[in-house]
Amino acid sequence: MWTVVYIAPSRLVAESLQNVLSSEGLLVMLRTIGIPHVGDSSAVEILVPESEVDEAMEILNSNVR
């Protein structure tokens, strides 16, 4: 099961964090919140498998300020 670990304010931020998590070996999925056609300004959920939530949160806590 996929679990939301962070809600990014934009697609650009989400993709940047996705790259960080992926480089650490985690599986990552992005899901736009709201109307998908709004573009890069929509909030985006960052999801990881439930078994990787703790590791993802540690990585995000050290990279998100």
N, C-alpha and C. Protein backbone atom coordinates (compact mmCIF):
# COMPACT_ATOMS: atom_id res chain seq x y z
N MET A 1 0.84 -1.18 0.00
CA MET A 1 0.00 0.00 0.00
C MET A 1 0.89 1.24 0.00
N TRP A 2 0.52 2.23 -0.81
CA TRP A 2 1.25 3.48 -0.90
C TRP A 2 0.76 4.45 0.17
N THR A 3 1.68 5.21 0.75
CA THR A 3 1.37 6.13 1.84
C THR A 3 1.93 7.51 1.52
N VAL A 4 1.12 8.54 1.76
CA VAL A 4 1.57 9.92 1.56
C VAL A 4 2.54 10.29 2.67
N VAL A 5 3.73 10.77 2.28
CA VAL A 5 4.72 11.19 3.28
C VAL A 5 4.95 12.70 3.26
N TYR A 6 4.47 13.37 2.19
CA TYR A 6 4.67 14.81 2.10
C TYR A 6 3.74 15.37 1.03
N ILE A 7 3.28 16.60 1.23
CA ILE A 7 2.50 17.29 0.21
C ILE A 7 3.31 18.50 -0.22
N ALA A 8 3.80 18.45 -1.44
CA ALA A 8 4.62 19.52 -1.99
C ALA A 8 3.72 20.62 -2.57
N PRO A 9 4.15 21.86 -2.48
CA PRO A 9 3.33 22.97 -2.98
C PRO A 9 3.26 23.08 -4.50
N SER A 10 4.18 22.39 -5.19
CA SER A 10 4.18 22.46 -6.65
C SER A 10 4.82 21.19 -7.23
N ARG A 11 4.63 20.98 -8.51
CA ARG A 11 5.22 19.82 -9.18
C ARG A 11 6.75 19.91 -9.16
N LEU A 12 7.30 21.10 -9.30
CA LEU A 12 8.75 21.28 -9.29
C LEU A 12 9.36 20.81 -7.97
N VAL A 13 8.77 21.21 -6.86
CA VAL A 13 9.25 20.79 -5.55
C VAL A 13 9.09 19.29 -5.39
N ALA A 14 7.95 18.75 -5.82
CA ALA A 14 7.68 17.32 -5.70
C ALA A 14 8.70 16.50 -6.49
N GLU A 15 9.01 16.94 -7.70
CA GLU A 15 9.97 16.20 -8.52
C GLU A 15 11.38 16.27 -7.93
N SER A 16 11.72 17.39 -7.33
CA SER A 16 13.02 17.52 -6.68
C SER A 16 13.12 16.54 -5.51
N LEU A 17 12.08 16.48 -4.68
CA LEU A 17 12.08 15.56 -3.55
C LEU A 17 12.01 14.11 -4.01
N GLN A 18 11.30 13.86 -5.09
CA GLN A 18 11.24 12.52 -5.66
C GLN A 18 12.65 12.06 -6.04
N ASN A 19 13.43 12.95 -6.64
CA ASN A 19 14.80 12.62 -7.03
C ASN A 19 15.66 12.29 -5.81
N VAL A 20 15.48 13.06 -4.74
CA VAL A 20 16.24 12.81 -3.50
C VAL A 20 15.90 11.42 -2.96
N LEU A 21 14.61 11.13 -2.85
CA LEU A 21 14.18 9.84 -2.30
C LEU A 21 14.60 8.68 -3.21
N SER A 22 14.46 8.86 -4.49
CA SER A 22 14.83 7.81 -5.45
C SER A 22 16.33 7.53 -5.40
N SER A 23 17.12 8.57 -5.23
CA SER A 23 18.57 8.39 -5.17
C SER A 23 18.99 7.59 -3.94
N GLU A 24 18.12 7.56 -2.94
CA GLU A 24 18.37 6.77 -1.72
C GLU A 24 17.81 5.35 -1.86
N GLY A 25 17.25 5.04 -3.03
CA GLY A 25 16.77 3.68 -3.29
C GLY A 25 15.31 3.44 -2.97
N LEU A 26 14.56 4.49 -2.68
CA LEU A 26 13.15 4.32 -2.36
C LEU A 26 12.29 4.39 -3.62
N LEU A 27 11.19 3.67 -3.61
CA LEU A 27 10.18 3.78 -4.66
C LEU A 27 9.33 5.00 -4.34
N VAL A 28 9.05 5.81 -5.34
CA VAL A 28 8.30 7.05 -5.11
C VAL A 28 7.26 7.23 -6.20
N MET A 29 6.07 7.67 -5.80
CA MET A 29 5.01 7.98 -6.74
C MET A 29 4.50 9.38 -6.42
N LEU A 30 4.20 10.15 -7.46
CA LEU A 30 3.63 11.49 -7.28
C LEU A 30 2.18 11.47 -7.71
N ARG A 31 1.33 12.22 -6.98
CA ARG A 31 -0.09 12.30 -7.31
C ARG A 31 -0.55 13.75 -7.11
N THR A 32 -1.03 14.34 -8.20
CA THR A 32 -1.51 15.72 -8.14
C THR A 32 -2.80 15.81 -7.33
N ILE A 33 -2.90 16.84 -6.51
CA ILE A 33 -4.09 17.08 -5.72
C ILE A 33 -4.97 18.07 -6.47
N GLY A 34 -6.22 17.79 -6.57
CA GLY A 34 -7.13 18.72 -7.22
C GLY A 34 -7.20 18.52 -8.72
N ILE A 35 -7.41 19.61 -9.42
CA ILE A 35 -7.62 19.56 -10.87
C ILE A 35 -6.27 19.39 -11.57
N PRO A 36 -6.07 18.27 -12.27
CA PRO A 36 -4.77 17.99 -12.88
C PRO A 36 -4.34 18.99 -13.95
N HIS A 37 -5.27 19.63 -14.64
CA HIS A 37 -4.88 20.51 -15.74
C HIS A 37 -4.39 21.90 -15.30
N VAL A 38 -4.34 22.15 -14.01
CA VAL A 38 -3.88 23.45 -13.51
C VAL A 38 -2.39 23.63 -13.79
N GLY A 39 -1.67 22.54 -13.92
CA GLY A 39 -0.25 22.64 -14.26
C GLY A 39 0.66 22.54 -13.06
N ASP A 40 1.80 23.19 -13.17
CA ASP A 40 2.84 23.07 -12.15
C ASP A 40 2.50 23.72 -10.83
N SER A 41 1.43 24.50 -10.76
CA SER A 41 1.10 25.20 -9.53
C SER A 41 0.22 24.38 -8.58
N SER A 42 -0.18 23.19 -8.99
CA SER A 42 -1.01 22.33 -8.13
C SER A 42 -0.15 21.67 -7.06
N ALA A 43 -0.74 21.45 -5.89
CA ALA A 43 -0.06 20.69 -4.84
C ALA A 43 0.06 19.24 -5.30
N VAL A 44 1.13 18.58 -4.86
CA VAL A 44 1.40 17.21 -5.28
C VAL A 44 1.74 16.36 -4.06
N GLU A 45 1.07 15.22 -3.94
CA GLU A 45 1.37 14.28 -2.87
C GLU A 45 2.58 13.44 -3.27
N ILE A 46 3.45 13.20 -2.31
CA ILE A 46 4.58 12.30 -2.51
C ILE A 46 4.27 11.04 -1.71
N LEU A 47 4.23 9.92 -2.41
CA LEU A 47 3.87 8.65 -1.79
C LEU A 47 5.02 7.65 -1.90
N VAL A 48 5.14 6.81 -0.87
CA VAL A 48 6.10 5.71 -0.88
C VAL A 48 5.38 4.47 -0.36
N PRO A 49 5.94 3.28 -0.63
CA PRO A 49 5.34 2.08 -0.05
C PRO A 49 5.35 2.17 1.47
N GLU A 50 4.33 1.58 2.09
CA GLU A 50 4.18 1.65 3.54
C GLU A 50 5.44 1.19 4.27
N SER A 51 6.13 0.21 3.72
CA SER A 51 7.33 -0.33 4.37
C SER A 51 8.51 0.64 4.34
N GLU A 52 8.42 1.70 3.53
CA GLU A 52 9.52 2.66 3.41
C GLU A 52 9.20 4.02 4.04
N VAL A 53 8.08 4.13 4.73
CA VAL A 53 7.64 5.42 5.28
C VAL A 53 8.66 5.99 6.26
N ASP A 54 9.14 5.18 7.21
CA ASP A 54 10.07 5.70 8.22
C ASP A 54 11.35 6.24 7.58
N GLU A 55 11.90 5.49 6.64
CA GLU A 55 13.12 5.93 5.96
C GLU A 55 12.87 7.20 5.15
N ALA A 56 11.74 7.25 4.46
CA ALA A 56 11.39 8.43 3.67
C ALA A 56 11.26 9.66 4.57
N MET A 57 10.61 9.50 5.71
CA MET A 57 10.43 10.64 6.61
C MET A 57 11.78 11.15 7.13
N GLU A 58 12.70 10.25 7.43
CA GLU A 58 14.03 10.67 7.88
C GLU A 58 14.73 11.49 6.79
N ILE A 59 14.67 10.99 5.56
CA ILE A 59 15.30 11.68 4.43
C ILE A 59 14.65 13.04 4.20
N LEU A 60 13.32 13.08 4.22
CA LEU A 60 12.62 14.34 3.99
C LEU A 60 12.90 15.34 5.10
N ASN A 61 12.93 14.88 6.34
CA ASN A 61 13.20 15.78 7.46
C ASN A 61 14.58 16.42 7.37
N SER A 62 15.53 15.75 6.74
CA SER A 62 16.86 16.33 6.60
C SER A 62 17.01 17.16 5.33
N ASN A 63 16.01 17.11 4.42
CA ASN A 63 16.10 17.84 3.16
C ASN A 63 15.07 18.95 2.99
N VAL A 64 14.03 18.94 3.77
CA VAL A 64 12.97 19.95 3.64
C VAL A 64 13.10 20.95 4.78
N ARG A 65 13.19 22.18 4.42
CA ARG A 65 13.32 23.23 5.45
C ARG A 65 12.23 24.25 5.26
